[in-house]
């Protein structure tokens, strides 16, 4: 099923996340059309979709935090170099 395919692709790495999300969306659409809203299958598919989106958000946040740390270190080093040039000993 699409739900199983999405689970496999989500575990294959970040480059497959979009494909996994598409598979989960298709599975959800099929489950809701065939079985109805609120079924266990739909709930499991929604859970998988939520977990994938949550992981992407965490990855984005952690990469932003790393960029901020790098930027602040670079700015501090730049500021230190500028100060050293202005006030030579």
PDB file of N, CA and C in Angstrom:
ATOM      1  N   UNK A   1       0.837  -1.191   0.000  1.00  0.00           N
ATOM      2  CA  UNK A   1       0.000   0.000   0.000  1.00  0.00           C
ATOM      3  C   UNK A   1       0.877   1.248   0.000  1.00  0.00           C
ATOM      4  N   UNK A   2       0.241   2.387  -0.251  1.00  0.00           N
ATOM      5  CA  UNK A   2       0.962   3.648  -0.246  1.00  0.00           C
ATOM      6  C   UNK A   2       1.501   3.975   1.144  1.00  0.00           C
ATOM      7  N   UNK A   3       0.756   3.596   2.174  1.00  0.00           N
ATOM      8  CA  UNK A   3       1.210   3.869   3.541  1.00  0.00           C
ATOM      9  C   UNK A   3       2.518   3.144   3.831  1.00  0.00           C
ATOM     10  N   UNK A   4       2.621   1.901   3.422  1.00  0.00           N
ATOM     11  CA  UNK A   4       3.849   1.140   3.641  1.00  0.00           C
ATOM     12  C   UNK A   4       4.991   1.705   2.794  1.00  0.00           C
ATOM     13  N   UNK A   5       4.685   2.078   1.555  1.00  0.00           N
ATOM     14  CA  UNK A   5       5.712   2.680   0.705  1.00  0.00           C
ATOM     15  C   UNK A   5       6.224   3.980   1.318  1.00  0.00           C
ATOM     16  N   UNK A   6       5.316   4.787   1.859  1.00  0.00           N
ATOM     17  CA  UNK A   6       5.710   6.035   2.501  1.00  0.00           C
ATOM     18  C   UNK A   6       6.595   5.796   3.705  1.00  0.00           C
ATOM     19  N   UNK A   7       6.276   4.774   4.482  1.00  0.00           N
ATOM     20  CA  UNK A   7       7.085   4.438   5.653  1.00  0.00           C
ATOM     21  C   UNK A   7       8.492   4.033   5.237  1.00  0.00           C
ATOM     22  N   UNK A   8       8.592   3.242   4.208  1.00  0.00           N
ATOM     23  CA  UNK A   8       9.912   2.805   3.725  1.00  0.00           C
ATOM     24  C   UNK A   8      10.702   3.996   3.212  1.00  0.00           C
ATOM     25  N   UNK A   9      10.065   4.849   2.413  1.00  0.00           N
ATOM     26  CA  UNK A   9      10.785   6.007   1.866  1.00  0.00           C
ATOM     27  C   UNK A   9      11.179   6.995   2.963  1.00  0.00           C
ATOM     28  N   UNK A  10      10.344   7.148   3.972  1.00  0.00           N
ATOM     29  CA  UNK A  10      10.683   8.054   5.075  1.00  0.00           C
ATOM     30  C   UNK A  10      11.917   7.559   5.819  1.00  0.00           C
ATOM     31  N   UNK A  11      12.115   6.267   5.856  1.00  0.00           N
ATOM     32  CA  UNK A  11      13.281   5.695   6.533  1.00  0.00           C
ATOM     33  C   UNK A  11      14.526   5.667   5.654  1.00  0.00           C
ATOM     34  N   UNK A  12      14.381   5.991   4.367  1.00  0.00           N
ATOM     35  CA  UNK A  12      15.517   5.946   3.445  1.00  0.00           C
ATOM     36  C   UNK A  12      16.374   7.208   3.503  1.00  0.00           C
ATOM     37  N   UNK A  13      15.876   8.254   4.122  1.00  0.00           N
ATOM     38  CA  UNK A  13      16.676   9.468   4.245  1.00  0.00           C
ATOM     39  C   UNK A  13      15.924  10.704   3.789  1.00  0.00           C
ATOM     40  N   UNK A  14      16.543  11.844   4.051  1.00  0.00           N
ATOM     41  CA  UNK A  14      15.899  13.131   3.795  1.00  0.00           C
ATOM     42  C   UNK A  14      15.563  13.349   2.321  1.00  0.00           C
ATOM     43  N   UNK A  15      16.373  12.807   1.432  1.00  0.00           N
ATOM     44  CA  UNK A  15      16.112  13.032   0.007  1.00  0.00           C
ATOM     45  C   UNK A  15      14.828  12.340  -0.472  1.00  0.00           C
ATOM     46  N   UNK A  16      14.297  11.424   0.307  1.00  0.00           N
ATOM     47  CA  UNK A  16      13.057  10.722  -0.051  1.00  0.00           C
ATOM     48  C   UNK A  16      11.838  11.237   0.711  1.00  0.00           C
ATOM     49  N   UNK A  17      11.995  12.258   1.533  1.00  0.00           N
ATOM     50  CA  UNK A  17      10.895  12.739   2.366  1.00  0.00           C
ATOM     51  C   UNK A  17       9.712  13.247   1.550  1.00  0.00           C
ATOM     52  N   UNK A  18       9.981  13.962   0.467  1.00  0.00           N
ATOM     53  CA  UNK A  18       8.878  14.475  -0.348  1.00  0.00           C
ATOM     54  C   UNK A  18       8.074  13.327  -0.950  1.00  0.00           C
ATOM     55  N   UNK A  19       8.771  12.314  -1.444  1.00  0.00           N
ATOM     56  CA  UNK A  19       8.085  11.149  -2.015  1.00  0.00           C
ATOM     57  C   UNK A  19       7.284  10.415  -0.944  1.00  0.00           C
ATOM     58  N   UNK A  20       7.850  10.324   0.246  1.00  0.00           N
ATOM     59  CA  UNK A  20       7.144   9.667   1.347  1.00  0.00           C
ATOM     60  C   UNK A  20       5.875  10.444   1.698  1.00  0.00           C
ATOM     61  N   UNK A  21       5.989  11.765   1.738  1.00  0.00           N
ATOM     62  CA  UNK A  21       4.823  12.588   2.056  1.00  0.00           C
ATOM     63  C   UNK A  21       3.731  12.414   1.011  1.00  0.00           C
ATOM     64  N   UNK A  22       4.115  12.357  -0.239  1.00  0.00           N
ATOM     65  CA  UNK A  22       3.150  12.150  -1.315  1.00  0.00           C
ATOM     66  C   UNK A  22       2.471  10.789  -1.171  1.00  0.00           C
ATOM     67  N   UNK A  23       3.236   9.767  -0.826  1.00  0.00           N
ATOM     68  CA  UNK A  23       2.666   8.426  -0.641  1.00  0.00           C
ATOM     69  C   UNK A  23       1.679   8.417   0.522  1.00  0.00           C
ATOM     70  N   UNK A  24       2.031   9.085   1.625  1.00  0.00           N
ATOM     71  CA  UNK A  24       1.116   9.150   2.769  1.00  0.00           C
ATOM     72  C   UNK A  24      -0.170   9.888   2.406  1.00  0.00           C
ATOM     73  N   UNK A  25      -0.045  10.964   1.639  1.00  0.00           N
ATOM     74  CA  UNK A  25      -1.232  11.707   1.224  1.00  0.00           C
ATOM     75  C   UNK A  25      -2.143  10.858   0.347  1.00  0.00           C
ATOM     76  N   UNK A  26      -1.555  10.093  -0.574  1.00  0.00           N
ATOM     77  CA  UNK A  26      -2.350   9.219  -1.439  1.00  0.00           C
ATOM     78  C   UNK A  26      -3.022   8.113  -0.630  1.00  0.00           C
ATOM     79  N   UNK A  27      -2.281   7.549   0.314  1.00  0.00           N
ATOM     80  CA  UNK A  27      -2.853   6.502   1.168  1.00  0.00           C
ATOM     81  C   UNK A  27      -4.019   7.045   1.973  1.00  0.00           C
ATOM     82  N   UNK A  28      -3.844   8.247   2.524  1.00  0.00           N
ATOM     83  CA  UNK A  28      -4.914   8.855   3.311  1.00  0.00           C
ATOM     84  C   UNK A  28      -6.157   9.087   2.458  1.00  0.00           C
ATOM     85  N   UNK A  29      -5.945   9.587   1.241  1.00  0.00           N
ATOM     86  CA  UNK A  29      -7.063   9.824   0.334  1.00  0.00           C
ATOM     87  C   UNK A  29      -7.819   8.525   0.038  1.00  0.00           C
ATOM     88  N   UNK A  30      -7.075   7.466  -0.241  1.00  0.00           N
ATOM     89  CA  UNK A  30      -7.701   6.172  -0.545  1.00  0.00           C
ATOM     90  C   UNK A  30      -8.433   5.622   0.670  1.00  0.00           C
ATOM     91  N   UNK A  31      -7.791   5.660   1.838  1.00  0.00           N
ATOM     92  CA  UNK A  31      -8.442   5.153   3.059  1.00  0.00           C
ATOM     93  C   UNK A  31      -9.732   5.908   3.343  1.00  0.00           C
ATOM     94  N   UNK A  32      -9.706   7.222   3.185  1.00  0.00           N
ATOM     95  CA  UNK A  32     -10.898   7.997   3.494  1.00  0.00           C
ATOM     96  C   UNK A  32     -12.013   7.755   2.482  1.00  0.00           C
ATOM     97  N   UNK A  33     -11.653   7.498   1.228  1.00  0.00           N
ATOM     98  CA  UNK A  33     -12.666   7.214   0.223  1.00  0.00           C
ATOM     99  C   UNK A  33     -13.237   5.802   0.380  1.00  0.00           C
ATOM    100  N   UNK A  34     -12.376   4.830   0.658  1.00  0.00           N
ATOM    101  CA  UNK A  34     -12.800   3.441   0.702  1.00  0.00           C
ATOM    102  C   UNK A  34     -13.422   3.044   2.050  1.00  0.00           C
ATOM    103  N   UNK A  35     -12.747   3.422   3.127  1.00  0.00           N
ATOM    104  CA  UNK A  35     -13.164   2.969   4.457  1.00  0.00           C
ATOM    105  C   UNK A  35     -13.962   4.034   5.192  1.00  0.00           C
ATOM    106  N   UNK A  36     -13.619   5.278   4.946  1.00  0.00           N
ATOM    107  CA  UNK A  36     -14.321   6.373   5.606  1.00  0.00           C
ATOM    108  C   UNK A  36     -13.397   7.136   6.547  1.00  0.00           C
ATOM    109  N   UNK A  37     -13.875   8.299   6.923  1.00  0.00           N
ATOM    110  CA  UNK A  37     -13.111   9.143   7.829  1.00  0.00           C
ATOM    111  C   UNK A  37     -13.111   8.531   9.233  1.00  0.00           C
ATOM    112  N   UNK A  38     -12.010   8.670   9.919  1.00  0.00           N
ATOM    113  CA  UNK A  38     -11.937   8.198  11.297  1.00  0.00           C
ATOM    114  C   UNK A  38     -11.586   6.731  11.443  1.00  0.00           C
ATOM    115  N   UNK A  39     -11.230   6.058  10.362  1.00  0.00           N
ATOM    116  CA  UNK A  39     -10.855   4.650  10.461  1.00  0.00           C
ATOM    117  C   UNK A  39      -9.460   4.527  11.069  1.00  0.00           C
ATOM    118  N   UNK A  40      -9.145   3.352  11.552  1.00  0.00           N
ATOM    119  CA  UNK A  40      -7.824   3.109  12.134  1.00  0.00           C
ATOM    120  C   UNK A  40      -6.724   3.277  11.097  1.00  0.00           C
ATOM    121  N   UNK A  41      -6.984   2.866   9.872  1.00  0.00           N
ATOM    122  CA  UNK A  41      -5.998   2.995   8.804  1.00  0.00           C
ATOM    123  C   UNK A  41      -5.710   4.463   8.506  1.00  0.00           C
ATOM    124  N   UNK A  42      -6.775   5.275   8.466  1.00  0.00           N
ATOM    125  CA  UNK A  42      -6.600   6.705   8.245  1.00  0.00           C
ATOM    126  C   UNK A  42      -5.805   7.340   9.382  1.00  0.00           C
ATOM    127  N   UNK A  43      -6.108   6.927  10.593  1.00  0.00           N
ATOM    128  CA  UNK A  43      -5.402   7.469  11.761  1.00  0.00           C
ATOM    129  C   UNK A  43      -3.920   7.098  11.721  1.00  0.00           C
ATOM    130  N   UNK A  44      -3.615   5.861  11.343  1.00  0.00           N
ATOM    131  CA  UNK A  44      -2.215   5.432  11.257  1.00  0.00           C
ATOM    132  C   UNK A  44      -1.482   6.212  10.177  1.00  0.00           C
ATOM    133  N   UNK A  45      -2.146   6.446   9.058  1.00  0.00           N
ATOM    134  CA  UNK A  45      -1.547   7.200   7.967  1.00  0.00           C
ATOM    135  C   UNK A  45      -1.311   8.650   8.387  1.00  0.00           C
ATOM    136  N   UNK A  46      -2.277   9.251   9.052  1.00  0.00           N
ATOM    137  CA  UNK A  46      -2.113  10.617   9.546  1.00  0.00           C
ATOM    138  C   UNK A  46      -0.972  10.714  10.555  1.00  0.00           C
ATOM    139  N   UNK A  47      -0.844   9.701  11.385  1.00  0.00           N
ATOM    140  CA  UNK A  47       0.254   9.681  12.354  1.00  0.00           C
ATOM    141  C   UNK A  47       1.596   9.660  11.630  1.00  0.00           C
ATOM    142  N   UNK A  48       1.717   8.824  10.607  1.00  0.00           N
ATOM    143  CA  UNK A  48       2.961   8.753   9.838  1.00  0.00           C
ATOM    144  C   UNK A  48       3.260  10.083   9.151  1.00  0.00           C
ATOM    145  N   UNK A  49       2.241  10.697   8.601  1.00  0.00           N
ATOM    146  CA  UNK A  49       2.415  11.988   7.939  1.00  0.00           C
ATOM    147  C   UNK A  49       2.851  13.052   8.950  1.00  0.00           C
ATOM    148  N   UNK A  50       2.215  13.056  10.109  1.00  0.00           N
ATOM    149  CA  UNK A  50       2.591  14.009  11.160  1.00  0.00           C
ATOM    150  C   UNK A  50       4.036  13.799  11.605  1.00  0.00           C
ATOM    151  N   UNK A  51       4.431  12.551  11.817  1.00  0.00           N
ATOM    152  CA  UNK A  51       5.797  12.277  12.266  1.00  0.00           C
ATOM    153  C   UNK A  51       6.826  12.742  11.237  1.00  0.00           C
ATOM    154  N   UNK A  52       6.530  12.550   9.968  1.00  0.00           N
ATOM    155  CA  UNK A  52       7.438  13.000   8.917  1.00  0.00           C
ATOM    156  C   UNK A  52       7.542  14.521   8.909  1.00  0.00           C
ATOM    157  N   UNK A  53       6.413  15.208   8.971  1.00  0.00           N
ATOM    158  CA  UNK A  53       6.426  16.669   8.987  1.00  0.00           C
ATOM    159  C   UNK A  53       7.136  17.206  10.226  1.00  0.00           C
ATOM    160  N   UNK A  54       6.896  16.570  11.356  1.00  0.00           N
ATOM    161  CA  UNK A  54       7.551  16.991  12.601  1.00  0.00           C
ATOM    162  C   UNK A  54       9.067  16.830  12.494  1.00  0.00           C
ATOM    163  N   UNK A  55       9.523  15.711  11.944  1.00  0.00           N
ATOM    164  CA  UNK A  55      10.962  15.484  11.794  1.00  0.00           C
ATOM    165  C   UNK A  55      11.583  16.514  10.863  1.00  0.00           C
ATOM    166  N   UNK A  56      10.878  16.867   9.796  1.00  0.00           N
ATOM    167  CA  UNK A  56      11.392  17.893   8.889  1.00  0.00           C
ATOM    168  C   UNK A  56      11.514  19.232   9.598  1.00  0.00           C
ATOM    169  N   UNK A  57      10.523  19.558  10.416  1.00  0.00           N
ATOM    170  CA  UNK A  57      10.560  20.812  11.154  1.00  0.00           C
ATOM    171  C   UNK A  57      11.713  20.830  12.149  1.00  0.00           C
ATOM    172  N   UNK A  58      11.957  19.710  12.814  1.00  0.00           N
ATOM    173  CA  UNK A  58      13.074  19.610  13.747  1.00  0.00           C
ATOM    174  C   UNK A  58      14.398  19.756  13.006  1.00  0.00           C
ATOM    175  N   UNK A  59      14.525  19.116  11.858  1.00  0.00           N
ATOM    176  CA  UNK A  59      15.752  19.218  11.063  1.00  0.00           C
ATOM    177  C   UNK A  59      16.008  20.654  10.614  1.00  0.00           C
ATOM    178  N   UNK A  60      14.956  21.333  10.184  1.00  0.00           N
ATOM    179  CA  UNK A  60      15.098  22.725   9.747  1.00  0.00           C
ATOM    180  C   UNK A  60      15.516  23.598  10.916  1.00  0.00           C
ATOM    181  N   UNK A  61      14.889  23.411  12.058  1.00  0.00           N
ATOM    182  CA  UNK A  61      15.212  24.209  13.243  1.00  0.00           C
ATOM    183  C   UNK A  61      16.651  23.979  13.682  1.00  0.00           C
ATOM    184  N   UNK A  62      17.102  22.733  13.686  1.00  0.00           N
ATOM    185  CA  UNK A  62      18.468  22.455  14.123  1.00  0.00           C
ATOM    186  C   UNK A  62      19.486  23.020  13.133  1.00  0.00           C
ATOM    187  N   UNK A  63      19.175  23.005  11.839  1.00  0.00           N
ATOM    188  CA  UNK A  63      20.107  23.594  10.869  1.00  0.00           C
ATOM    189  C   UNK A  63      20.142  25.110  11.012  1.00  0.00           C
ATOM    190  N   UNK A  64      19.007  25.734  11.332  1.00  0.00           N
ATOM    191  CA  UNK A  64      18.990  27.178  11.572  1.00  0.00           C
ATOM    192  C   UNK A  64      19.805  27.532  12.806  1.00  0.00           C
ATOM    193  N   UNK A  65      19.689  26.723  13.857  1.00  0.00           N
ATOM    194  CA  UNK A  65      20.458  26.964  15.074  1.00  0.00           C
ATOM    195  C   UNK A  65      21.952  26.855  14.806  1.00  0.00           C
ATOM    196  N   UNK A  66      22.357  25.874  14.004  1.00  0.00           N
ATOM    197  CA  UNK A  66      23.766  25.717  13.655  1.00  0.00           C
ATOM    198  C   UNK A  66      24.264  26.912  12.858  1.00  0.00           C
ATOM    199  N   UNK A  67      23.434  27.422  11.934  1.00  0.00           N
ATOM    200  CA  UNK A  67      23.815  28.583  11.142  1.00  0.00           C
ATOM    201  C   UNK A  67      23.965  29.817  12.021  1.00  0.00           C
ATOM    202  N   UNK A  68      23.057  29.981  13.004  1.00  0.00           N
ATOM    203  CA  UNK A  68      23.146  31.133  13.913  1.00  0.00           C
ATOM    204  C   UNK A  68      24.420  31.064  14.739  1.00  0.00           C
ATOM    205  N   UNK A  69      24.773  29.869  15.224  1.00  0.00           N
ATOM    206  CA  UNK A  69      25.990  29.727  16.011  1.00  0.00           C
ATOM    207  C   UNK A  69      27.212  30.059  15.169  1.00  0.00           C
ATOM    208  N   UNK A  70      27.249  29.576  13.948  1.00  0.00           N
ATOM    209  CA  UNK A  70      28.366  29.844  13.050  1.00  0.00           C
ATOM    210  C   UNK A  70      28.439  31.335  12.738  1.00  0.00           C
ATOM    211  N   UNK A  71      27.296  31.954  12.485  1.00  0.00           N
ATOM    212  CA  UNK A  71      27.273  33.378  12.162  1.00  0.00           C
ATOM    213  C   UNK A  71      27.747  34.211  13.351  1.00  0.00           C
ATOM    214  N   UNK A  72      27.321  33.862  14.558  1.00  0.00           N
ATOM    215  CA  UNK A  72      27.730  34.649  15.719  1.00  0.00           C
ATOM    216  C   UNK A  72      29.215  34.497  15.983  1.00  0.00           C
ATOM    217  N   UNK A  73      29.772  33.317  15.774  1.00  0.00           N
ATOM    218  CA  UNK A  73      31.213  33.124  15.941  1.00  0.00           C
ATOM    219  C   UNK A  73      31.958  33.926  14.892  1.00  0.00           C
ATOM    220  N   UNK A  74      31.498  33.878  13.654  1.00  0.00           N
ATOM    221  CA  UNK A  74      32.162  34.617  12.586  1.00  0.00           C
ATOM    222  C   UNK A  74      32.095  36.116  12.856  1.00  0.00           C
ATOM    223  N   UNK A  75      30.959  36.611  13.315  1.00  0.00           N
ATOM    224  CA  UNK A  75      30.834  38.034  13.614  1.00  0.00           C
ATOM    225  C   UNK A  75      31.746  38.418  14.767  1.00  0.00           C
ATOM    226  N   UNK A  76      31.837  37.578  15.769  1.00  0.00           N
ATOM    227  CA  UNK A  76      32.704  37.867  16.911  1.00  0.00           C
ATOM    228  C   UNK A  76      34.160  37.909  16.472  1.00  0.00           C
ATOM    229  N   UNK A  77      34.558  36.948  15.651  1.00  0.00           N
ATOM    230  CA  UNK A  77      35.933  36.933  15.167  1.00  0.00           C
ATOM    231  C   UNK A  77      36.206  38.171  14.320  1.00  0.00           C
ATOM    232  N   UNK A  78      35.256  38.542  13.491  1.00  0.00           N
ATOM    233  CA  UNK A  78      35.419  39.714  12.643  1.00  0.00           C
ATOM    234  C   UNK A  78      35.543  40.957  13.530  1.00  0.00           C
ATOM    235  N   UNK A  79      34.698  41.056  14.526  1.00  0.00           N
ATOM    236  CA  UNK A  79      34.730  42.196  15.446  1.00  0.00           C
ATOM    237  C   UNK A  79      36.056  42.238  16.196  1.00  0.00           C
ATOM    238  N   UNK A  80      36.550  41.100  16.630  1.00  0.00           N
ATOM    239  CA  UNK A  80      37.816  41.035  17.343  1.00  0.00           C
ATOM    240  C   UNK A  80      38.953  41.491  16.442  1.00  0.00           C
ATOM    241  N   UNK A  81      38.971  41.031  15.213  1.00  0.00           N
ATOM    242  CA  UNK A  81      40.025  41.436  14.282  1.00  0.00           C
ATOM    243  C   UNK A  81      39.973  42.933  14.039  1.00  0.00           C
ATOM    244  N   UNK A  82      38.789  43.488  13.895  1.00  0.00           N
ATOM    245  CA  UNK A  82      38.630  44.918  13.654  1.00  0.00           C
ATOM    246  C   UNK A  82      39.130  45.703  14.857  1.00  0.00           C
ATOM    247  N   UNK A  83      38.779  45.274  16.054  1.00  0.00           N
ATOM    248  CA  UNK A  83      39.232  45.945  17.270  1.00  0.00           C
ATOM    249  C   UNK A  83      40.758  45.895  17.398  1.00  0.00           C
ATOM    250  N   UNK A  84      41.342  44.757  17.068  1.00  0.00           N
ATOM    251  CA  UNK A  84      42.789  44.605  17.165  1.00  0.00           C
ATOM    252  C   UNK A  84      43.493  45.540  16.175  1.00  0.00           C
ATOM    253  N   UNK A  85      42.886  45.746  15.028  1.00  0.00           N
ATOM    254  CA  UNK A  85      43.510  46.616  14.038  1.00  0.00           C
ATOM    255  C   UNK A  85      43.383  48.084  14.446  1.00  0.00           C
ATOM    256  N   UNK A  86      42.287  48.427  15.073  1.00  0.00           N
ATOM    257  CA  UNK A  86      42.081  49.812  15.475  1.00  0.00           C
ATOM    258  C   UNK A  86      43.007  50.222  16.622  1.00  0.00           C
ATOM    259  N   UNK A  87      43.221  49.295  17.548  1.00  0.00           N
ATOM    260  CA  UNK A  87      44.010  49.621  18.747  1.00  0.00           C
ATOM    261  C   UNK A  87      45.257  48.739  18.817  1.00  0.00           C
ATOM    262  N   UNK A  88      46.230  49.000  17.980  1.00  0.00           N
ATOM    263  CA  UNK A  88      47.423  48.145  18.055  1.00  0.00           C
ATOM    264  C   UNK A  88      48.194  48.405  19.356  1.00  0.00           C
ATOM    265  N   UNK A  89      48.812  47.378  19.871  1.00  0.00           N
ATOM    266  CA  UNK A  89      49.556  47.508  21.131  1.00  0.00           C
ATOM    267  C   UNK A  89      50.927  48.062  20.921  1.00  0.00           C
TER     268      UNK A  89
END
